[in-house]
Structures are given as C-alpha cells and as structure tokens.
Amino acid sequence: MCDEQQKPMCEPLIDAARAGELLKLHPKTVKRMAQAGELPGTKIGRVWRFRESSLDAWLDGRLKFPCHPSPEEKGSKLQ
C-alpha cells in the first residue's frame, strides 16, 4: 500500500566537481561563479551543492541570450 503522507522525493544535489563536468568548467570556477551569484547553487556548511535541473535551466537561458553575436552575425557586418 502507498502511504498518503509520504513526501515526494527531492532532486539529488550534486557537488562542484559534478557540476563542473556537466558545464565543462573547473570545479573552482563553478564555486567562484556560485559565490558571485552567477550560477544557481547553495552552500551547505563548507560545501557548494547544485541541482542539475537548475544548472540546465541556467545554461538554457545563457544559450537563448548570448552575450556575443554568432559567427553569422559577425560575418554579415563585415560584408
């Protein structure tokens, strides 16, 4: 039988090393960006923790609104 008072499972948290693997960044860069508020994460004690879904959403937002023009845009301005 299913317990109706059962809490839903929380998304597992990952450490800076795993976040760095996913984002192709060094773990120290991940920690620095999280400390600066540039990357979604939370510090639990002395350890930074991240949700994969939050990192994915952050990355998706960065890809939709790039800071630099695409190569096609650069090429069209040069012609």
PDB file of N, CA and C in Angstrom:
ATOM      1  N   MET A   1       0.831  -1.183   0.000  1.00  0.00           N
ATOM      2  CA  MET A   1       0.000   0.000   0.000  1.00  0.00           C
ATOM      3  C   MET A   1       0.874   1.244   0.000  1.00  0.00           C
ATOM      4  N   CYS A   2       0.360   2.276  -0.588  1.00  0.00           N
ATOM      5  CA  CYS A   2       1.078   3.539  -0.664  1.00  0.00           C
ATOM      6  C   CYS A   2       0.698   4.418   0.519  1.00  0.00           C
ATOM      7  N   ASP A   3       1.672   4.954   1.176  1.00  0.00           N
ATOM      8  CA  ASP A   3       1.445   5.852   2.299  1.00  0.00           C
ATOM      9  C   ASP A   3       1.106   7.237   1.764  1.00  0.00           C
ATOM     10  N   GLU A   4      -0.079   7.746   2.063  1.00  0.00           N
ATOM     11  CA  GLU A   4      -0.523   9.040   1.557  1.00  0.00           C
ATOM     12  C   GLU A   4       0.285  10.201   2.130  1.00  0.00           C
ATOM     13  N   GLN A   5       0.909  10.010   3.269  1.00  0.00           N
ATOM     14  CA  GLN A   5       1.681  11.070   3.900  1.00  0.00           C
ATOM     15  C   GLN A   5       3.144  11.058   3.449  1.00  0.00           C
ATOM     16  N   GLN A   6       3.455  10.201   2.508  1.00  0.00           N
ATOM     17  CA  GLN A   6       4.821  10.114   2.014  1.00  0.00           C
ATOM     18  C   GLN A   6       5.189  11.414   1.298  1.00  0.00           C
ATOM     19  N   LYS A   7       6.369  11.940   1.601  1.00  0.00           N
ATOM     20  CA  LYS A   7       6.842  13.153   0.949  1.00  0.00           C
ATOM     21  C   LYS A   7       7.399  12.804  -0.425  1.00  0.00           C
ATOM     22  N   PRO A   8       7.228  13.708  -1.406  1.00  0.00           N
ATOM     23  CA  PRO A   8       7.830  13.445  -2.708  1.00  0.00           C
ATOM     24  C   PRO A   8       9.357  13.470  -2.606  1.00  0.00           C
ATOM     25  N   MET A   9       9.995  12.703  -3.454  1.00  0.00           N
ATOM     26  CA  MET A   9      11.458  12.633  -3.446  1.00  0.00           C
ATOM     27  C   MET A   9      12.035  13.973  -3.905  1.00  0.00           C
ATOM     28  N   CYS A  10      13.068  14.422  -3.221  1.00  0.00           N
ATOM     29  CA  CYS A  10      13.779  15.632  -3.614  1.00  0.00           C
ATOM     30  C   CYS A  10      14.790  15.285  -4.699  1.00  0.00           C
ATOM     31  N   GLU A  11      15.041  16.245  -5.551  1.00  0.00           N
ATOM     32  CA  GLU A  11      16.073  16.050  -6.559  1.00  0.00           C
ATOM     33  C   GLU A  11      17.425  15.981  -5.856  1.00  0.00           C
ATOM     34  N   PRO A  12      18.232  14.989  -6.166  1.00  0.00           N
ATOM     35  CA  PRO A  12      19.543  14.884  -5.519  1.00  0.00           C
ATOM     36  C   PRO A  12      20.418  16.089  -5.846  1.00  0.00           C
ATOM     37  N   LEU A  13      21.189  16.504  -4.889  1.00  0.00           N
ATOM     38  CA  LEU A  13      22.123  17.602  -5.093  1.00  0.00           C
ATOM     39  C   LEU A  13      23.460  17.043  -5.550  1.00  0.00           C
ATOM     40  N   ILE A  14      24.145  17.813  -6.373  1.00  0.00           N
ATOM     41  CA  ILE A  14      25.459  17.404  -6.865  1.00  0.00           C
ATOM     42  C   ILE A  14      26.503  18.379  -6.330  1.00  0.00           C
ATOM     43  N   ASP A  15      27.751  17.954  -6.324  1.00  0.00           N
ATOM     44  CA  ASP A  15      28.826  18.813  -5.840  1.00  0.00           C
ATOM     45  C   ASP A  15      29.435  19.612  -6.989  1.00  0.00           C
ATOM     46  N   ALA A  16      30.390  20.473  -6.660  1.00  0.00           N
ATOM     47  CA  ALA A  16      31.013  21.343  -7.660  1.00  0.00           C
ATOM     48  C   ALA A  16      31.781  20.546  -8.716  1.00  0.00           C
ATOM     49  N   ALA A  17      32.337  19.417  -8.337  1.00  0.00           N
ATOM     50  CA  ALA A  17      33.072  18.597  -9.305  1.00  0.00           C
ATOM     51  C   ALA A  17      32.123  18.075 -10.392  1.00  0.00           C
ATOM     52  N   ARG A  18      30.962  17.550  -9.982  1.00  0.00           N
ATOM     53  CA  ARG A  18      29.988  17.047 -10.953  1.00  0.00           C
ATOM     54  C   ARG A  18      29.389  18.196 -11.756  1.00  0.00           C
ATOM     55  N   ALA A  19      29.108  19.324 -11.102  1.00  0.00           N
ATOM     56  CA  ALA A  19      28.590  20.491 -11.821  1.00  0.00           C
ATOM     57  C   ALA A  19      29.596  20.950 -12.874  1.00  0.00           C
ATOM     58  N   GLY A  20      30.875  20.925 -12.509  1.00  0.00           N
ATOM     59  CA  GLY A  20      31.924  21.285 -13.456  1.00  0.00           C
ATOM     60  C   GLY A  20      31.974  20.345 -14.649  1.00  0.00           C
ATOM     61  N   GLU A  21      31.773  19.058 -14.407  1.00  0.00           N
ATOM     62  CA  GLU A  21      31.733  18.088 -15.508  1.00  0.00           C
ATOM     63  C   GLU A  21      30.584  18.410 -16.462  1.00  0.00           C
ATOM     64  N   LEU A  22      29.431  18.710 -15.908  1.00  0.00           N
ATOM     65  CA  LEU A  22      28.260  18.995 -16.739  1.00  0.00           C
ATOM     66  C   LEU A  22      28.431  20.279 -17.549  1.00  0.00           C
ATOM     67  N   LEU A  23      29.036  21.289 -16.935  1.00  0.00           N
ATOM     68  CA  LEU A  23      29.182  22.592 -17.584  1.00  0.00           C
ATOM     69  C   LEU A  23      30.508  22.756 -18.314  1.00  0.00           C
ATOM     70  N   LYS A  24      31.373  21.751 -18.215  1.00  0.00           N
ATOM     71  CA  LYS A  24      32.717  21.800 -18.822  1.00  0.00           C
ATOM     72  C   LYS A  24      33.515  22.970 -18.240  1.00  0.00           C
ATOM     73  N   LEU A  25      33.441  23.104 -16.907  1.00  0.00           N
ATOM     74  CA  LEU A  25      34.180  24.123 -16.175  1.00  0.00           C
ATOM     75  C   LEU A  25      34.972  23.457 -15.057  1.00  0.00           C
ATOM     76  N   HIS A  26      36.013  24.112 -14.616  1.00  0.00           N
ATOM     77  CA  HIS A  26      36.784  23.622 -13.473  1.00  0.00           C
ATOM     78  C   HIS A  26      35.931  23.790 -12.217  1.00  0.00           C
ATOM     79  N   PRO A  27      35.988  22.858 -11.272  1.00  0.00           N
ATOM     80  CA  PRO A  27      35.207  22.986 -10.036  1.00  0.00           C
ATOM     81  C   PRO A  27      35.438  24.305  -9.288  1.00  0.00           C
ATOM     82  N   LYS A  28      36.667  24.825  -9.324  1.00  0.00           N
ATOM     83  CA  LYS A  28      36.934  26.109  -8.663  1.00  0.00           C
ATOM     84  C   LYS A  28      36.192  27.245  -9.362  1.00  0.00           C
ATOM     85  N   THR A  29      36.071  27.162 -10.678  1.00  0.00           N
ATOM     86  CA  THR A  29      35.314  28.167 -11.422  1.00  0.00           C
ATOM     87  C   THR A  29      33.840  28.083 -11.056  1.00  0.00           C
ATOM     88  N   VAL A  30      33.325  26.870 -10.928  1.00  0.00           N
ATOM     89  CA  VAL A  30      31.934  26.662 -10.527  1.00  0.00           C
ATOM     90  C   VAL A  30      31.690  27.282  -9.157  1.00  0.00           C
ATOM     91  N   LYS A  31      32.578  27.037  -8.217  1.00  0.00           N
ATOM     92  CA  LYS A  31      32.431  27.583  -6.867  1.00  0.00           C
ATOM     93  C   LYS A  31      32.502  29.109  -6.874  1.00  0.00           C
ATOM     94  N   ARG A  32      33.437  29.649  -7.649  1.00  0.00           N
ATOM     95  CA  ARG A  32      33.585  31.102  -7.727  1.00  0.00           C
ATOM     96  C   ARG A  32      32.336  31.747  -8.314  1.00  0.00           C
ATOM     97  N   MET A  33      31.796  31.146  -9.374  1.00  0.00           N
ATOM     98  CA  MET A  33      30.591  31.680 -10.006  1.00  0.00           C
ATOM     99  C   MET A  33      29.383  31.584  -9.069  1.00  0.00           C
ATOM    100  N   ALA A  34      29.286  30.509  -8.316  1.00  0.00           N
ATOM    101  CA  ALA A  34      28.191  30.358  -7.361  1.00  0.00           C
ATOM    102  C   ALA A  34      28.329  31.394  -6.247  1.00  0.00           C
ATOM    103  N   GLN A  35      29.541  31.600  -5.753  1.00  0.00           N
ATOM    104  CA  GLN A  35      29.792  32.587  -4.700  1.00  0.00           C
ATOM    105  C   GLN A  35      29.394  33.986  -5.166  1.00  0.00           C
ATOM    106  N   ALA A  36      29.642  34.280  -6.444  1.00  0.00           N
ATOM    107  CA  ALA A  36      29.323  35.600  -7.008  1.00  0.00           C
ATOM    108  C   ALA A  36      27.845  35.730  -7.379  1.00  0.00           C
ATOM    109  N   GLY A  37      27.095  34.639  -7.271  1.00  0.00           N
ATOM    110  CA  GLY A  37      25.678  34.674  -7.632  1.00  0.00           C
ATOM    111  C   GLY A  37      25.423  34.526  -9.120  1.00  0.00           C
ATOM    112  N   GLU A  38      26.445  34.149  -9.871  1.00  0.00           N
ATOM    113  CA  GLU A  38      26.326  33.978 -11.320  1.00  0.00           C
ATOM    114  C   GLU A  38      25.767  32.611 -11.697  1.00  0.00           C
ATOM    115  N   LEU A  39      25.844  31.669 -10.781  1.00  0.00           N
ATOM    116  CA  LEU A  39      25.434  30.294 -11.032  1.00  0.00           C
ATOM    117  C   LEU A  39      24.521  29.859  -9.884  1.00  0.00           C
ATOM    118  N   PRO A  40      23.386  29.199 -10.188  1.00  0.00           N
ATOM    119  CA  PRO A  40      22.477  28.798  -9.112  1.00  0.00           C
ATOM    120  C   PRO A  40      23.039  27.648  -8.284  1.00  0.00           C
ATOM    121  N   GLY A  41      23.193  27.893  -7.013  1.00  0.00           N
ATOM    122  CA  GLY A  41      23.705  26.875  -6.103  1.00  0.00           C
ATOM    123  C   GLY A  41      23.486  27.323  -4.675  1.00  0.00           C
ATOM    124  N   THR A  42      23.760  26.441  -3.754  1.00  0.00           N
ATOM    125  CA  THR A  42      23.630  26.772  -2.342  1.00  0.00           C
ATOM    126  C   THR A  42      24.797  26.168  -1.579  1.00  0.00           C
ATOM    127  N   LYS A  43      25.236  26.883  -0.586  1.00  0.00           N
ATOM    128  CA  LYS A  43      26.339  26.394   0.229  1.00  0.00           C
ATOM    129  C   LYS A  43      25.756  25.759   1.483  1.00  0.00           C
ATOM    130  N   ILE A  44      26.077  24.506   1.693  1.00  0.00           N
ATOM    131  CA  ILE A  44      25.638  23.769   2.873  1.00  0.00           C
ATOM    132  C   ILE A  44      26.899  23.474   3.679  1.00  0.00           C
ATOM    133  N   GLY A  45      27.032  24.182   4.770  1.00  0.00           N
ATOM    134  CA  GLY A  45      28.278  24.093   5.528  1.00  0.00           C
ATOM    135  C   GLY A  45      29.391  24.727   4.722  1.00  0.00           C
ATOM    136  N   ARG A  46      30.404  23.957   4.416  1.00  0.00           N
ATOM    137  CA  ARG A  46      31.522  24.453   3.607  1.00  0.00           C
ATOM    138  C   ARG A  46      31.475  23.964   2.158  1.00  0.00           C
ATOM    139  N   VAL A  47      30.416  23.262   1.812  1.00  0.00           N
ATOM    140  CA  VAL A  47      30.348  22.608   0.501  1.00  0.00           C
ATOM    141  C   VAL A  47      29.250  23.236  -0.365  1.00  0.00           C
ATOM    142  N   TRP A  48      29.591  23.551  -1.603  1.00  0.00           N
ATOM    143  CA  TRP A  48      28.611  24.043  -2.558  1.00  0.00           C
ATOM    144  C   TRP A  48      27.861  22.857  -3.145  1.00  0.00           C
ATOM    145  N   ARG A  49      26.539  23.003  -3.264  1.00  0.00           N
ATOM    146  CA  ARG A  49      25.681  21.972  -3.850  1.00  0.00           C
ATOM    147  C   ARG A  49      24.809  22.596  -4.919  1.00  0.00           C
ATOM    148  N   PHE A  50      24.487  21.792  -5.920  1.00  0.00           N
ATOM    149  CA  PHE A  50      23.754  22.275  -7.083  1.00  0.00           C
ATOM    150  C   PHE A  50      22.692  21.263  -7.489  1.00  0.00           C
ATOM    151  N   ARG A  51      21.634  21.740  -8.119  1.00  0.00           N
ATOM    152  CA  ARG A  51      20.639  20.867  -8.738  1.00  0.00           C
ATOM    153  C   ARG A  51      20.923  20.839 -10.228  1.00  0.00           C
ATOM    154  N   GLU A  52      20.950  19.649 -10.797  1.00  0.00           N
ATOM    155  CA  GLU A  52      21.193  19.526 -12.229  1.00  0.00           C
ATOM    156  C   GLU A  52      20.153  20.295 -13.023  1.00  0.00           C
ATOM    157  N   SER A  53      18.893  20.248 -12.590  1.00  0.00           N
ATOM    158  CA  SER A  53      17.829  20.945 -13.323  1.00  0.00           C
ATOM    159  C   SER A  53      18.046  22.458 -13.308  1.00  0.00           C
ATOM    160  N   SER A  54      18.537  23.006 -12.203  1.00  0.00           N
ATOM    161  CA  SER A  54      18.810  24.443 -12.127  1.00  0.00           C
ATOM    162  C   SER A  54      19.969  24.833 -13.032  1.00  0.00           C
ATOM    163  N   LEU A  55      20.985  23.990 -13.071  1.00  0.00           N
ATOM    164  CA  LEU A  55      22.122  24.258 -13.959  1.00  0.00           C
ATOM    165  C   LEU A  55      21.694  24.168 -15.419  1.00  0.00           C
ATOM    166  N   ASP A  56      20.845  23.213 -15.726  1.00  0.00           N
ATOM    167  CA  ASP A  56      20.346  23.069 -17.091  1.00  0.00           C
ATOM    168  C   ASP A  56      19.530  24.297 -17.501  1.00  0.00           C
ATOM    169  N   ALA A  57      18.667  24.775 -16.611  1.00  0.00           N
ATOM    170  CA  ALA A  57      17.860  25.961 -16.894  1.00  0.00           C
ATOM    171  C   ALA A  57      18.750  27.192 -17.054  1.00  0.00           C
ATOM    172  N   TRP A  58      19.780  27.299 -16.205  1.00  0.00           N
ATOM    173  CA  TRP A  58      20.722  28.417 -16.296  1.00  0.00           C
ATOM    174  C   TRP A  58      21.438  28.408 -17.643  1.00  0.00           C
ATOM    175  N   LEU A  59      21.913  27.238 -18.042  1.00  0.00           N
ATOM    176  CA  LEU A  59      22.623  27.100 -19.309  1.00  0.00           C
ATOM    177  C   LEU A  59      21.696  27.384 -20.484  1.00  0.00           C
ATOM    178  N   ASP A  60      20.468  26.890 -20.412  1.00  0.00           N
ATOM    179  CA  ASP A  60      19.495  27.126 -21.471  1.00  0.00           C
ATOM    180  C   ASP A  60      19.240  28.628 -21.636  1.00  0.00           C
ATOM    181  N   GLY A  61      19.128  29.335 -20.525  1.00  0.00           N
ATOM    182  CA  GLY A  61      18.935  30.781 -20.580  1.00  0.00           C
ATOM    183  C   GLY A  61      20.124  31.495 -21.187  1.00  0.00           C
ATOM    184  N   ARG A  62      21.313  31.027 -20.891  1.00  0.00           N
ATOM    185  CA  ARG A  62      22.526  31.627 -21.465  1.00  0.00           C
ATOM    186  C   ARG A  62      22.607  31.395 -22.966  1.00  0.00           C
ATOM    187  N   LEU A  63      22.156  30.234 -23.418  1.00  0.00           N
ATOM    188  CA  LEU A  63      22.212  29.925 -24.849  1.00  0.00           C
ATOM    189  C   LEU A  63      21.171  30.707 -25.642  1.00  0.00           C
ATOM    190  N   LYS A  64      20.041  31.034 -25.019  1.00  0.00           N
ATOM    191  CA  LYS A  64      18.997  31.793 -25.705  1.00  0.00           C
ATOM    192  C   LYS A  64      19.337  33.267 -25.806  1.00  0.00           C
ATOM    193  N   PHE A  65      20.145  33.769 -24.861  1.00  0.00           N
ATOM    194  CA  PHE A  65      20.509  35.169 -24.835  1.00  0.00           C
ATOM    195  C   PHE A  65      22.016  35.315 -24.769  1.00  0.00           C
ATOM    196  N   PRO A  66      22.694  34.991 -25.877  1.00  0.00           N
ATOM    197  CA  PRO A  66      24.160  35.031 -25.847  1.00  0.00           C
ATOM    198  C   PRO A  66      24.673  36.467 -25.690  1.00  0.00           C
ATOM    199  N   CYS A  67      25.813  36.579 -25.046  1.00  0.00           N
ATOM    200  CA  CYS A  67      26.445  37.884 -24.849  1.00  0.00           C
ATOM    201  C   CYS A  67      27.181  38.331 -26.106  1.00  0.00           C
ATOM    202  N   HIS A  68      27.558  37.395 -26.929  1.00  0.00           N
ATOM    203  CA  HIS A  68      28.337  37.702 -28.120  1.00  0.00           C
ATOM    204  C   HIS A  68      27.542  37.315 -29.362  1.00  0.00           C
ATOM    205  N   PRO A  69      27.698  38.069 -30.443  1.00  0.00           N
ATOM    206  CA  PRO A  69      26.990  37.710 -31.677  1.00  0.00           C
ATOM    207  C   PRO A  69      27.500  36.391 -32.247  1.00  0.00           C
ATOM    208  N   SER A  70      26.626  35.711 -32.947  1.00  0.00           N
ATOM    209  CA  SER A  70      27.013  34.450 -33.570  1.00  0.00           C
ATOM    210  C   SER A  70      27.961  34.723 -34.729  1.00  0.00           C
ATOM    211  N   PRO A  71      28.691  33.712 -35.204  1.00  0.00           N
ATOM    212  CA  PRO A  71      29.607  33.907 -36.339  1.00  0.00           C
ATOM    213  C   PRO A  71      28.884  34.438 -37.580  1.00  0.00           C
ATOM    214  N   GLU A  72      27.625  34.019 -37.784  1.00  0.00           N
ATOM    215  CA  GLU A  72      26.869  34.500 -38.941  1.00  0.00           C
ATOM    216  C   GLU A  72      26.630  36.002 -38.837  1.00  0.00           C
ATOM    217  N   GLU A  73      26.328  36.488 -37.630  1.00  0.00           N
ATOM    218  CA  GLU A  73      26.090  37.915 -37.429  1.00  0.00           C
ATOM    219  C   GLU A  73      27.370  38.712 -37.654  1.00  0.00           C
ATOM    220  N   LYS A  74      28.492  38.190 -37.185  1.00  0.00           N
ATOM    221  CA  LYS A  74      29.773  38.871 -37.374  1.00  0.00           C
ATOM    222  C   LYS A  74      30.114  38.964 -38.855  1.00  0.00           C
ATOM    223  N   GLY A  75      29.883  37.872 -39.574  1.00  0.00           N
ATOM    224  CA  GLY A  75      30.195  37.836 -40.995  1.00  0.00           C
ATOM    225  C   GLY A  75      29.344  38.796 -41.799  1.00  0.00           C
ATOM    226  N   SER A  76      28.069  38.951 -41.436  1.00  0.00           N
ATOM    227  CA  SER A  76      27.196  39.835 -42.184  1.00  0.00           C
ATOM    228  C   SER A  76      27.572  41.296 -41.977  1.00  0.00           C
ATOM    229  N   LYS A  77      28.151  41.641 -40.846  1.00  0.00           N
ATOM    230  CA  LYS A  77      28.560  43.025 -40.584  1.00  0.00           C
ATOM    231  C   LYS A  77      29.842  43.377 -41.335  1.00  0.00           C
ATOM    232  N   LEU A  78      30.661  42.368 -41.619  1.00  0.00           N
ATOM    233  CA  LEU A  78      31.922  42.617 -42.296  1.00  0.00           C
ATOM    234  C   LEU A  78      31.752  42.808 -43.795  1.00  0.00           C
ATOM    235  N   GLN A  79      30.657  42.342 -44.337  1.00  0.00           N
ATOM    236  CA  GLN A  79      30.473  42.402 -45.794  1.00  0.00           C
ATOM    237  C   GLN A  79      30.004  43.743 -46.260  1.00  0.00           C
TER     238      GLN A  79
END
